[in-house]
PDB file of N, CA and C in Angstrom:
ATOM      1  N   MET A   1       0.833  -1.176   0.000  1.00  0.00           N
ATOM      2  CA  MET A   1       0.000   0.000   0.000  1.00  0.00           C
ATOM      3  C   MET A   1       0.884   1.248   0.000  1.00  0.00           C
ATOM      4  N   ILE A   2       0.617   2.149  -0.894  1.00  0.00           N
ATOM      5  CA  ILE A   2       1.385   3.385  -0.996  1.00  0.00           C
ATOM      6  C   ILE A   2       0.710   4.448  -0.129  1.00  0.00           C
ATOM      7  N   VAL A   3       1.487   5.049   0.750  1.00  0.00           N
ATOM      8  CA  VAL A   3       0.972   6.066   1.665  1.00  0.00           C
ATOM      9  C   VAL A   3       1.060   7.425   0.981  1.00  0.00           C
ATOM     10  N   PRO A   4      -0.025   8.218   0.995  1.00  0.00           N
ATOM     11  CA  PRO A   4       0.049   9.549   0.394  1.00  0.00           C
ATOM     12  C   PRO A   4       1.125  10.412   1.064  1.00  0.00           C
ATOM     13  N   MET A   5       1.662  11.320   0.297  1.00  0.00           N
ATOM     14  CA  MET A   5       2.767  12.153   0.767  1.00  0.00           C
ATOM     15  C   MET A   5       2.382  12.999   1.980  1.00  0.00           C
ATOM     16  N   THR A   6       1.138  13.450   2.065  1.00  0.00           N
ATOM     17  CA  THR A   6       0.741  14.292   3.199  1.00  0.00           C
ATOM     18  C   THR A   6       0.791  13.506   4.503  1.00  0.00           C
ATOM     19  N   LYS A   7       0.417  12.231   4.462  1.00  0.00           N
ATOM     20  CA  LYS A   7       0.492  11.426   5.682  1.00  0.00           C
ATOM     21  C   LYS A   7       1.937  11.225   6.108  1.00  0.00           C
ATOM     22  N   THR A   8       2.820  11.057   5.155  1.00  0.00           N
ATOM     23  CA  THR A   8       4.235  10.878   5.484  1.00  0.00           C
ATOM     24  C   THR A   8       4.815  12.167   6.067  1.00  0.00           C
ATOM     25  N   LEU A   9       4.457  13.297   5.509  1.00  0.00           N
ATOM     26  CA  LEU A   9       4.958  14.572   6.040  1.00  0.00           C
ATOM     27  C   LEU A   9       4.425  14.838   7.442  1.00  0.00           C
ATOM     28  N   ARG A  10       3.155  14.497   7.680  1.00  0.00           N
ATOM     29  CA  ARG A  10       2.593  14.628   9.021  1.00  0.00           C
ATOM     30  C   ARG A  10       3.308  13.697  10.002  1.00  0.00           C
ATOM     31  N   ALA A  11       3.669  12.510   9.531  1.00  0.00           N
ATOM     32  CA  ALA A  11       4.385  11.558  10.384  1.00  0.00           C
ATOM     33  C   ALA A  11       5.768  12.093  10.746  1.00  0.00           C
ATOM     34  N   VAL A  12       6.456  12.694   9.781  1.00  0.00           N
ATOM     35  CA  VAL A  12       7.774  13.292  10.065  1.00  0.00           C
ATOM     36  C   VAL A  12       7.623  14.412  11.092  1.00  0.00           C
ATOM     37  N   LYS A  13       6.601  15.229  10.939  1.00  0.00           N
ATOM     38  CA  LYS A  13       6.354  16.319  11.884  1.00  0.00           C
ATOM     39  C   LYS A  13       6.107  15.765  13.287  1.00  0.00           C
ATOM     40  N   PHE A  14       5.316  14.686  13.378  1.00  0.00           N
ATOM     41  CA  PHE A  14       5.001  14.118  14.683  1.00  0.00           C
ATOM     42  C   PHE A  14       6.227  13.492  15.346  1.00  0.00           C
ATOM     43  N   LEU A  15       7.184  13.008  14.551  1.00  0.00           N
ATOM     44  CA  LEU A  15       8.405  12.448  15.126  1.00  0.00           C
ATOM     45  C   LEU A  15       9.169  13.487  15.939  1.00  0.00           C
ATOM     46  N   PHE A  16       9.004  14.762  15.598  1.00  0.00           N
ATOM     47  CA  PHE A  16       9.652  15.828  16.347  1.00  0.00           C
ATOM     48  C   PHE A  16       8.736  16.432  17.408  1.00  0.00           C
ATOM     49  N   ILE A  17       7.444  16.541  17.102  1.00  0.00           N
ATOM     50  CA  ILE A  17       6.499  17.178  18.007  1.00  0.00           C
ATOM     51  C   ILE A  17       6.116  16.261  19.173  1.00  0.00           C
ATOM     52  N   GLY A  18       5.987  14.962  18.915  1.00  0.00           N
ATOM     53  CA  GLY A  18       5.556  14.013  19.939  1.00  0.00           C
ATOM     54  C   GLY A  18       6.409  14.046  21.207  1.00  0.00           C
ATOM     55  N   PRO A  19       7.744  13.935  21.081  1.00  0.00           N
ATOM     56  CA  PRO A  19       8.571  14.010  22.297  1.00  0.00           C
ATOM     57  C   PRO A  19       8.491  15.363  23.000  1.00  0.00           C
ATOM     58  N   LEU A  20       8.300  16.435  22.249  1.00  0.00           N
ATOM     59  CA  LEU A  20       8.153  17.752  22.883  1.00  0.00           C
ATOM     60  C   LEU A  20       6.870  17.816  23.708  1.00  0.00           C
ATOM     61  N   ILE A  21       5.788  17.284  23.169  1.00  0.00           N
ATOM     62  CA  ILE A  21       4.523  17.244  23.907  1.00  0.00           C
ATOM     63  C   ILE A  21       4.685  16.398  25.160  1.00  0.00           C
ATOM     64  N   LEU A  22       5.341  15.270  25.028  1.00  0.00           N
ATOM     65  CA  LEU A  22       5.547  14.393  26.173  1.00  0.00           C
ATOM     66  C   LEU A  22       6.421  15.063  27.234  1.00  0.00           C
ATOM     67  N   GLY A  23       7.432  15.792  26.821  1.00  0.00           N
ATOM     68  CA  GLY A  23       8.260  16.529  27.778  1.00  0.00           C
ATOM     69  C   GLY A  23       7.463  17.591  28.517  1.00  0.00           C
ATOM     70  N   LEU A  24       6.587  18.289  27.792  1.00  0.00           N
ATOM     71  CA  LEU A  24       5.737  19.294  28.419  1.00  0.00           C
ATOM     72  C   LEU A  24       4.787  18.646  29.423  1.00  0.00           C
ATOM     73  N   LEU A  25       4.189  17.519  29.056  1.00  0.00           N
ATOM     74  CA  LEU A  25       3.314  16.811  29.982  1.00  0.00           C
ATOM     75  C   LEU A  25       4.068  16.330  31.214  1.00  0.00           C
ATOM     76  N   PHE A  26       5.313  15.906  31.034  1.00  0.00           N
ATOM     77  CA  PHE A  26       6.135  15.465  32.162  1.00  0.00           C
ATOM     78  C   PHE A  26       6.384  16.616  33.139  1.00  0.00           C
ATOM     79  N   VAL A  27       6.693  17.784  32.591  1.00  0.00           N
ATOM     80  CA  VAL A  27       6.929  18.954  33.449  1.00  0.00           C
ATOM     81  C   VAL A  27       5.645  19.342  34.176  1.00  0.00           C
ATOM     82  N   ILE A  28       4.518  19.317  33.472  1.00  0.00           N
ATOM     83  CA  ILE A  28       3.240  19.623  34.110  1.00  0.00           C
ATOM     84  C   ILE A  28       2.955  18.623  35.221  1.00  0.00           C
ATOM     85  N   ASN A  29       3.237  17.345  34.984  1.00  0.00           N
ATOM     86  CA  ASN A  29       3.034  16.320  36.006  1.00  0.00           C
ATOM     87  C   ASN A  29       3.916  16.576  37.222  1.00  0.00           C
ATOM     88  N   LEU A  30       5.166  16.947  36.998  1.00  0.00           N
ATOM     89  CA  LEU A  30       6.067  17.243  38.123  1.00  0.00           C
ATOM     90  C   LEU A  30       5.567  18.428  38.952  1.00  0.00           C
ATOM     91  N   MET A  31       5.043  19.437  38.277  1.00  0.00           N
ATOM     92  CA  MET A  31       4.629  20.647  38.980  1.00  0.00           C
ATOM     93  C   MET A  31       3.277  20.486  39.676  1.00  0.00           C
ATOM     94  N   THR A  32       2.386  19.693  39.130  1.00  0.00           N
ATOM     95  CA  THR A  32       1.035  19.619  39.704  1.00  0.00           C
ATOM     96  C   THR A  32       0.860  18.476  40.694  1.00  0.00           C
ATOM     97  N   SER A  33       1.358  17.299  40.369  1.00  0.00           N
ATOM     98  CA  SER A  33       1.175  16.157  41.268  1.00  0.00           C
ATOM     99  C   SER A  33       2.388  15.233  41.183  1.00  0.00           C
ATOM    100  N   PRO A  34       3.482  15.594  41.892  1.00  0.00           N
ATOM    101  CA  PRO A  34       4.703  14.794  41.785  1.00  0.00           C
ATOM    102  C   PRO A  34       4.584  13.382  42.355  1.00  0.00           C
ATOM    103  N   GLY A  35       3.638  13.126  43.244  1.00  0.00           N
ATOM    104  CA  GLY A  35       3.505  11.801  43.826  1.00  0.00           C
ATOM    105  C   GLY A  35       2.693  10.845  42.967  1.00  0.00           C
ATOM    106  N   HIS A  36       1.933  11.389  42.053  1.00  0.00           N
ATOM    107  CA  HIS A  36       1.051  10.571  41.204  1.00  0.00           C
ATOM    108  C   HIS A  36       1.503  10.722  39.746  1.00  0.00           C
ATOM    109  N   TRP A  37       1.957   9.627  39.131  1.00  0.00           N
ATOM    110  CA  TRP A  37       2.510   9.680  37.779  1.00  0.00           C
ATOM    111  C   TRP A  37       1.444   9.350  36.744  1.00  0.00           C
ATOM    112  N   TRP A  38       0.599  10.316  36.431  1.00  0.00           N
ATOM    113  CA  TRP A  38      -0.416  10.127  35.400  1.00  0.00           C
ATOM    114  C   TRP A  38       0.180  10.268  34.007  1.00  0.00           C
ATOM    115  N   VAL A  39       1.374  10.814  33.900  1.00  0.00           N
ATOM    116  CA  VAL A  39       1.990  11.059  32.589  1.00  0.00           C
ATOM    117  C   VAL A  39       2.335   9.755  31.876  1.00  0.00           C
ATOM    118  N   GLN A  40       2.348   8.649  32.600  1.00  0.00           N
ATOM    119  CA  GLN A  40       2.674   7.375  31.956  1.00  0.00           C
ATOM    120  C   GLN A  40       1.629   6.965  30.927  1.00  0.00           C
ATOM    121  N   TRP A  41       0.367   7.355  31.131  1.00  0.00           N
ATOM    122  CA  TRP A  41      -0.687   6.950  30.188  1.00  0.00           C
ATOM    123  C   TRP A  41      -0.628   7.739  28.887  1.00  0.00           C
ATOM    124  N   PRO A  42      -0.458   9.067  28.936  1.00  0.00           N
ATOM    125  CA  PRO A  42      -0.224   9.761  27.659  1.00  0.00           C
ATOM    126  C   PRO A  42       1.065   9.316  26.982  1.00  0.00           C
ATOM    127  N   ALA A  43       2.088   8.973  27.784  1.00  0.00           N
ATOM    128  CA  ALA A  43       3.344   8.505  27.207  1.00  0.00           C
ATOM    129  C   ALA A  43       3.142   7.198  26.454  1.00  0.00           C
ATOM    130  N   LEU A  44       2.295   6.329  26.963  1.00  0.00           N
ATOM    131  CA  LEU A  44       2.013   5.078  26.274  1.00  0.00           C
ATOM    132  C   LEU A  44       1.361   5.342  24.914  1.00  0.00           C
ATOM    133  N   GLY A  45       0.354   6.203  24.900  1.00  0.00           N
ATOM    134  CA  GLY A  45      -0.323   6.518  23.640  1.00  0.00           C
ATOM    135  C   GLY A  45       0.569   7.237  22.652  1.00  0.00           C
ATOM    136  N   ILE A  46       1.310   8.217  23.129  1.00  0.00           N
ATOM    137  CA  ILE A  46       2.218   8.958  22.253  1.00  0.00           C
ATOM    138  C   ILE A  46       3.330   8.045  21.754  1.00  0.00           C
ATOM    139  N   GLY A  47       3.794   7.141  22.604  1.00  0.00           N
ATOM    140  CA  GLY A  47       4.839   6.206  22.192  1.00  0.00           C
ATOM    141  C   GLY A  47       4.376   5.265  21.095  1.00  0.00           C
ATOM    142  N   ILE A  48       3.161   4.754  21.229  1.00  0.00           N
ATOM    143  CA  ILE A  48       2.613   3.875  20.187  1.00  0.00           C
ATOM    144  C   ILE A  48       2.456   4.640  18.881  1.00  0.00           C
ATOM    145  N   ALA A  49       1.903   5.852  18.960  1.00  0.00           N
ATOM    146  CA  ALA A  49       1.742   6.670  17.753  1.00  0.00           C
ATOM    147  C   ALA A  49       3.087   7.029  17.141  1.00  0.00           C
ATOM    148  N   TRP A  50       4.091   7.279  17.985  1.00  0.00           N
ATOM    149  CA  TRP A  50       5.422   7.634  17.495  1.00  0.00           C
ATOM    150  C   TRP A  50       6.046   6.476  16.730  1.00  0.00           C
ATOM    151  N   VAL A  51       5.902   5.261  17.250  1.00  0.00           N
ATOM    152  CA  VAL A  51       6.458   4.089  16.570  1.00  0.00           C
ATOM    153  C   VAL A  51       5.760   3.860  15.230  1.00  0.00           C
ATOM    154  N   ILE A  52       4.445   4.037  15.191  1.00  0.00           N
ATOM    155  CA  ILE A  52       3.706   3.889  13.930  1.00  0.00           C
ATOM    156  C   ILE A  52       4.181   4.927  12.911  1.00  0.00           C
ATOM    157  N   CYS A  53       4.377   6.164  13.357  1.00  0.00           N
ATOM    158  CA  CYS A  53       4.876   7.208  12.453  1.00  0.00           C
ATOM    159  C   CYS A  53       6.295   6.901  11.989  1.00  0.00           C
ATOM    160  N   LEU A  54       7.120   6.377  12.873  1.00  0.00           N
ATOM    161  CA  LEU A  54       8.481   6.013  12.494  1.00  0.00           C
ATOM    162  C   LEU A  54       8.479   4.928  11.425  1.00  0.00           C
ATOM    163  N   ILE A  55       7.622   3.927  11.582  1.00  0.00           N
ATOM    164  CA  ILE A  55       7.516   2.866  10.578  1.00  0.00           C
ATOM    165  C   ILE A  55       7.042   3.436   9.250  1.00  0.00           C
ATOM    166  N   ARG A  56       6.088   4.355   9.280  1.00  0.00           N
ATOM    167  CA  ARG A  56       5.593   4.976   8.049  1.00  0.00           C
ATOM    168  C   ARG A  56       6.700   5.758   7.347  1.00  0.00           C
ATOM    169  N   VAL A  57       7.476   6.520   8.110  1.00  0.00           N
ATOM    170  CA  VAL A  57       8.548   7.328   7.516  1.00  0.00           C
ATOM    171  C   VAL A  57       9.656   6.430   6.971  1.00  0.00           C
ATOM    172  N   LEU A  58      10.039   5.407   7.726  1.00  0.00           N
ATOM    173  CA  LEU A  58      11.080   4.505   7.246  1.00  0.00           C
ATOM    174  C   LEU A  58      10.630   3.749   6.001  1.00  0.00           C
ATOM    175  N   GLY A  59       9.354   3.383   5.939  1.00  0.00           N
ATOM    176  CA  GLY A  59       8.832   2.736   4.736  1.00  0.00           C
ATOM    177  C   GLY A  59       8.911   3.648   3.523  1.00  0.00           C
ATOM    178  N   ALA A  60       8.605   4.925   3.717  1.00  0.00           N
ATOM    179  CA  ALA A  60       8.697   5.882   2.615  1.00  0.00           C
ATOM    180  C   ALA A  60      10.146   6.080   2.176  1.00  0.00           C
ATOM    181  N   VAL A  61      11.064   6.114   3.139  1.00  0.00           N
ATOM    182  CA  VAL A  61      12.485   6.275   2.806  1.00  0.00           C
ATOM    183  C   VAL A  61      12.989   5.067   2.018  1.00  0.00           C
ATOM    184  N   VAL A  62      12.611   3.877   2.451  1.00  0.00           N
ATOM    185  CA  VAL A  62      13.020   2.667   1.732  1.00  0.00           C
ATOM    186  C   VAL A  62      12.448   2.664   0.322  1.00  0.00           C
ATOM    187  N   LEU A  63      11.189   3.074   0.178  1.00  0.00           N
ATOM    188  CA  LEU A  63      10.568   3.129  -1.140  1.00  0.00           C
ATOM    189  C   LEU A  63      11.286   4.109  -2.057  1.00  0.00           C
ATOM    190  N   VAL A  64      11.561   5.302  -1.566  1.00  0.00           N
ATOM    191  CA  VAL A  64      12.236   6.316  -2.388  1.00  0.00           C
ATOM    192  C   VAL A  64      13.654   5.867  -2.741  1.00  0.00           C
ATOM    193  N   CYS A  65      14.377   5.323  -1.780  1.00  0.00           N
ATOM    194  CA  CYS A  65      15.729   4.836  -2.065  1.00  0.00           C
ATOM    195  C   CYS A  65      15.708   3.687  -3.068  1.00  0.00           C
ATOM    196  N   GLY A  66      14.705   2.836  -2.962  1.00  0.00           N
ATOM    197  CA  GLY A  66      14.578   1.738  -3.915  1.00  0.00           C
ATOM    198  C   GLY A  66      14.304   2.228  -5.316  1.00  0.00           C
ATOM    199  N   ILE A  67      13.454   3.243  -5.427  1.00  0.00           N
ATOM    200  CA  ILE A  67      13.147   3.797  -6.749  1.00  0.00           C
ATOM    201  C   ILE A  67      14.394   4.428  -7.363  1.00  0.00           C
ATOM    202  N   PHE A  68      15.124   5.220  -6.568  1.00  0.00           N
ATOM    203  CA  PHE A  68      16.333   5.854  -7.109  1.00  0.00           C
ATOM    204  C   PHE A  68      17.408   4.830  -7.431  1.00  0.00           C
ATOM    205  N   GLY A  69      17.520   3.802  -6.606  1.00  0.00           N
ATOM    206  CA  GLY A  69      18.486   2.748  -6.901  1.00  0.00           C
ATOM    207  C   GLY A  69      18.136   1.993  -8.175  1.00  0.00           C
ATOM    208  N   TRP A  70      16.857   1.727  -8.361  1.00  0.00           N
ATOM    209  CA  TRP A  70      16.403   1.035  -9.572  1.00  0.00           C
ATOM    210  C   TRP A  70      16.659   1.893 -10.803  1.00  0.00           C
ATOM    211  N   ARG A  71      16.390   3.206 -10.700  1.00  0.00           N
ATOM    212  CA  ARG A  71      16.657   4.108 -11.828  1.00  0.00           C
ATOM    213  C   ARG A  71      18.145   4.139 -12.167  1.00  0.00           C
ATOM    214  N   ARG A  72      18.972   4.183 -11.155  1.00  0.00           N
ATOM    215  CA  ARG A  72      20.414   4.218 -11.400  1.00  0.00           C
ATOM    216  C   ARG A  72      20.880   2.905 -12.025  1.00  0.00           C
ATOM    217  N   TRP A  73      20.346   1.782 -11.547  1.00  0.00           N
ATOM    218  CA  TRP A  73      20.702   0.482 -12.080  1.00  0.00           C
ATOM    219  C   TRP A  73      20.272   0.394 -13.556  1.00  0.00           C
ATOM    220  N   CYS A  74      19.091   0.927 -13.867  1.00  0.00           N
ATOM    221  CA  CYS A  74      18.603   0.879 -15.255  1.00  0.00           C
ATOM    222  C   CYS A  74      19.462   1.742 -16.183  1.00  0.00           C
ATOM    223  N   ARG A  75      19.965   2.853 -15.693  1.00  0.00           N
ATOM    224  CA  ARG A  75      20.773   3.736 -16.522  1.00  0.00           C
ATOM    225  C   ARG A  75      22.155   3.156 -16.797  1.00  0.00           C
ATOM    226  N   THR A  76      22.692   2.410 -15.844  1.00  0.00           N
ATOM    227  CA  THR A  76      24.038   1.862 -16.036  1.00  0.00           C
ATOM    228  C   THR A  76      24.019   0.548 -16.822  1.00  0.00           C
ATOM    229  N   SER A  77      22.877  -0.081 -16.912  1.00  0.00           N
ATOM    230  CA  SER A  77      22.791  -1.371 -17.616  1.00  0.00           C
ATOM    231  C   SER A  77      22.653  -1.181 -19.108  1.00  0.00           C
TER     232      SER A  77
END
């Protein structure tokens, strides 16, 4: 299945934004309720989404590299 380019670009954006959001939530958790770690639940969800986005981006990179490699192989043959 070929993923549209907009989904891949959104995934790249989330690879950078996701950890920043999680860091902000961690700081909020420290400041509001240091004895109760509720930040673990958003971290679980963000972590799962981050891994899915990473797989999507790596799949797109492999596809693009494969296409360019195939083009180069065809030109030299």
